[in-house]
């Protein structure tokens, strides 16, 4: 192969494999907004669950102690 053929083949290969610039569509904005809101709600529920979880053993212990004291 001559240098010209190699250059031409390289140019064709590069054009076939080039990545096109990302265009922003309105649907992309909606997807991003939905994902961000889903992550925010999931994180909020996770934090709320972690805040509630440590209080349950104490509440159970207080109720069981009160039941024993009533007897």
C-alpha atoms as a PDB file:
ATOM      1  CA  UNK A   1       0.000   0.000   0.000  1.00  0.00           C
ATOM      2  CA  UNK A   2       1.179   3.429  -0.744  1.00  0.00           C
ATOM      3  CA  UNK A   3       1.202   6.223   1.787  1.00  0.00           C
ATOM      4  CA  UNK A   4      -1.773   7.806   0.037  1.00  0.00           C
ATOM      5  CA  UNK A   5      -3.850   4.633   0.353  1.00  0.00           C
ATOM      6  CA  UNK A   6      -2.950   4.285   4.040  1.00  0.00           C
ATOM      7  CA  UNK A   7      -3.880   7.912   4.695  1.00  0.00           C
ATOM      8  CA  UNK A   8      -7.178   7.505   2.854  1.00  0.00           C
ATOM      9  CA  UNK A   9      -8.028   4.289   4.738  1.00  0.00           C
ATOM     10  CA  UNK A  10      -7.122   5.960   8.019  1.00  0.00           C
ATOM     11  CA  UNK A  11      -9.360   8.928   7.211  1.00  0.00           C
ATOM     12  CA  UNK A  12     -12.299   6.642   6.321  1.00  0.00           C
ATOM     13  CA  UNK A  13     -11.836   4.610   9.514  1.00  0.00           C
ATOM     14  CA  UNK A  14     -11.654   7.786  11.631  1.00  0.00           C
ATOM     15  CA  UNK A  15     -14.870   9.184  10.150  1.00  0.00           C
ATOM     16  CA  UNK A  16     -16.743   5.939  10.763  1.00  0.00           C
ATOM     17  CA  UNK A  17     -15.641   5.782  14.391  1.00  0.00           C
ATOM     18  CA  UNK A  18     -15.823   9.430  15.374  1.00  0.00           C
ATOM     19  CA  UNK A  19     -18.206  10.377  18.126  1.00  0.00           C
ATOM     20  CA  UNK A  20     -20.754  12.937  17.249  1.00  0.00           C
ATOM     21  CA  UNK A  21     -21.303  15.922  19.490  1.00  0.00           C
ATOM     22  CA  UNK A  22     -23.985  15.410  22.080  1.00  0.00           C
ATOM     23  CA  UNK A  23     -27.080  17.450  21.356  1.00  0.00           C
ATOM     24  CA  UNK A  24     -29.342  18.429  24.240  1.00  0.00           C
ATOM     25  CA  UNK A  25     -32.986  17.533  23.729  1.00  0.00           C
ATOM     26  CA  UNK A  26     -35.953  18.498  25.863  1.00  0.00           C
ATOM     27  CA  UNK A  27     -36.515  14.850  26.734  1.00  0.00           C
ATOM     28  CA  UNK A  28     -32.952  14.674  28.071  1.00  0.00           C
ATOM     29  CA  UNK A  29     -33.711  17.494  30.482  1.00  0.00           C
ATOM     30  CA  UNK A  30     -36.800  15.692  31.720  1.00  0.00           C
ATOM     31  CA  UNK A  31     -34.816  12.487  32.225  1.00  0.00           C
ATOM     32  CA  UNK A  32     -32.169  14.344  34.217  1.00  0.00           C
ATOM     33  CA  UNK A  33     -34.808  16.051  36.346  1.00  0.00           C
ATOM     34  CA  UNK A  34     -36.559  12.734  37.048  1.00  0.00           C
ATOM     35  CA  UNK A  35     -33.310  11.020  37.973  1.00  0.00           C
ATOM     36  CA  UNK A  36     -32.242  13.829  40.284  1.00  0.00           C
ATOM     37  CA  UNK A  37     -35.631  13.887  42.001  1.00  0.00           C
ATOM     38  CA  UNK A  38     -35.602  10.074  42.370  1.00  0.00           C
ATOM     39  CA  UNK A  39     -32.135  10.135  43.930  1.00  0.00           C
ATOM     40  CA  UNK A  40     -33.155  12.964  46.268  1.00  0.00           C
ATOM     41  CA  UNK A  41     -36.286  11.120  47.440  1.00  0.00           C
ATOM     42  CA  UNK A  42     -34.386   7.833  47.861  1.00  0.00           C
ATOM     43  CA  UNK A  43     -31.621   9.540  49.850  1.00  0.00           C
ATOM     44  CA  UNK A  44     -34.168  11.358  52.021  1.00  0.00           C
ATOM     45  CA  UNK A  45     -35.977   8.083  52.766  1.00  0.00           C
ATOM     46  CA  UNK A  46     -32.676   6.399  53.559  1.00  0.00           C
ATOM     47  CA  UNK A  47     -31.671   9.119  56.015  1.00  0.00           C
ATOM     48  CA  UNK A  48     -35.147   9.089  57.605  1.00  0.00           C
ATOM     49  CA  UNK A  49     -34.960   5.314  57.992  1.00  0.00           C
ATOM     50  CA  UNK A  50     -31.525   5.527  59.573  1.00  0.00           C
ATOM     51  CA  UNK A  51     -32.750   8.194  61.994  1.00  0.00           C
ATOM     52  CA  UNK A  52     -35.775   6.111  62.995  1.00  0.00           C
ATOM     53  CA  UNK A  53     -33.888   2.800  63.333  1.00  0.00           C
ATOM     54  CA  UNK A  54     -31.773   3.676  66.409  1.00  0.00           C
ATOM     55  CA  UNK A  55     -34.863   4.845  68.333  1.00  0.00           C
ATOM     56  CA  UNK A  56     -36.762   1.548  68.032  1.00  0.00           C
ATOM     57  CA  UNK A  57     -34.645  -0.603  70.377  1.00  0.00           C
ATOM     58  CA  UNK A  58     -34.900   2.064  73.079  1.00  0.00           C
ATOM     59  CA  UNK A  59     -38.660   2.320  72.670  1.00  0.00           C
ATOM     60  CA  UNK A  60     -38.992  -1.475  72.883  1.00  0.00           C
ATOM     61  CA  UNK A  61     -36.766  -1.582  75.950  1.00  0.00           C
ATOM     62  CA  UNK A  62     -38.764   1.189  77.647  1.00  0.00           C
ATOM     63  CA  UNK A  63     -42.072  -0.562  76.943  1.00  0.00           C
ATOM     64  CA  UNK A  64     -40.831  -3.947  78.161  1.00  0.00           C
ATOM     65  CA  UNK A  65     -39.443  -2.355  81.329  1.00  0.00           C
ATOM     66  CA  UNK A  66     -42.755  -0.621  81.983  1.00  0.00           C
ATOM     67  CA  UNK A  67     -44.630  -3.912  81.495  1.00  0.00           C
ATOM     68  CA  UNK A  68     -42.400  -5.622  84.044  1.00  0.00           C
ATOM     69  CA  UNK A  69     -42.860  -2.797  86.527  1.00  0.00           C
ATOM     70  CA  UNK A  70     -46.668  -3.009  86.253  1.00  0.00           C
ATOM     71  CA  UNK A  71     -46.691  -6.625  87.381  1.00  0.00           C
END
